[in-house]
Amino acid sequence: MTITGDELTLRIQATQIISQIIELDEQNRIVVRKANNPLQTLIYERVKKIFKNK
């Protein structure tokens, strides 16, 4: 896969999306935000796999 365009802008936009769907718990673990709508919940399920691999 190749990304064309401004990589910085892509990273900023991705971070903005992710920051709206996650929260940190008391142990600073990433958890799903309770107020997420169904689409945000689906996005979280995909993003969660990335964070577990790191």
Protein backbone atom coordinates (compact mmCIF):
# COMPACT_ATOMS: atom_id res chain seq x y z
CA MET A 1 0.00 0.00 0.00
CA THR A 2 1.29 3.45 -0.88
CA ILE A 3 0.12 6.69 0.65
CA THR A 4 0.34 9.71 -1.59
CA GLY A 5 -0.01 13.26 -0.41
CA ASP A 6 0.89 15.03 2.80
CA GLU A 7 1.81 12.38 5.38
CA LEU A 8 1.82 14.90 8.24
CA THR A 9 -1.77 15.92 7.50
CA LEU A 10 -2.82 12.26 7.31
CA ARG A 11 -1.20 11.54 10.69
CA ILE A 12 -2.85 14.57 12.30
CA GLN A 13 -6.29 13.65 10.95
CA ALA A 14 -5.90 10.02 12.06
CA THR A 15 -4.88 11.19 15.53
CA GLN A 16 -7.90 13.48 15.73
CA ILE A 17 -10.23 10.60 14.85
CA ILE A 18 -8.59 8.22 17.31
CA SER A 19 -8.60 10.80 20.12
CA GLN A 20 -12.39 11.04 19.82
CA ILE A 21 -12.96 7.30 20.32
CA ILE A 22 -10.56 6.30 23.10
CA GLU A 23 -10.02 7.10 26.75
CA LEU A 24 -7.38 6.15 29.28
CA ASP A 25 -8.40 4.25 32.40
CA GLU A 26 -6.86 4.57 35.87
CA GLN A 27 -3.91 2.38 34.82
CA ASN A 28 -3.35 4.44 31.63
CA ARG A 29 -4.67 1.64 29.44
CA ILE A 30 -6.52 2.52 26.25
CA VAL A 31 -10.23 1.76 26.55
CA VAL A 32 -13.28 2.44 24.42
CA ARG A 33 -15.11 5.69 25.18
CA LYS A 34 -18.53 4.85 26.64
CA ALA A 35 -20.31 7.55 24.61
CA ASN A 36 -19.17 6.23 21.20
CA ASN A 37 -21.76 5.82 18.49
CA PRO A 38 -21.84 2.53 16.49
CA LEU A 39 -19.42 3.79 13.81
CA GLN A 40 -16.93 4.98 16.42
CA THR A 41 -17.19 1.60 18.13
CA LEU A 42 -16.30 -0.15 14.86
CA ILE A 43 -13.34 2.18 14.35
CA TYR A 44 -12.20 1.45 17.91
CA GLU A 45 -12.30 -2.30 17.27
CA ARG A 46 -9.93 -1.84 14.31
CA VAL A 47 -7.62 0.58 16.14
CA LYS A 48 -7.50 -1.63 19.23
CA LYS A 49 -5.71 -4.34 17.23
CA ILE A 50 -2.99 -1.86 16.25
CA PHE A 51 -2.38 -0.80 19.86
CA LYS A 52 -2.19 -4.42 21.07
CA ASN A 53 0.55 -5.17 18.51
CA LYS A 54 2.81 -2.37 19.82
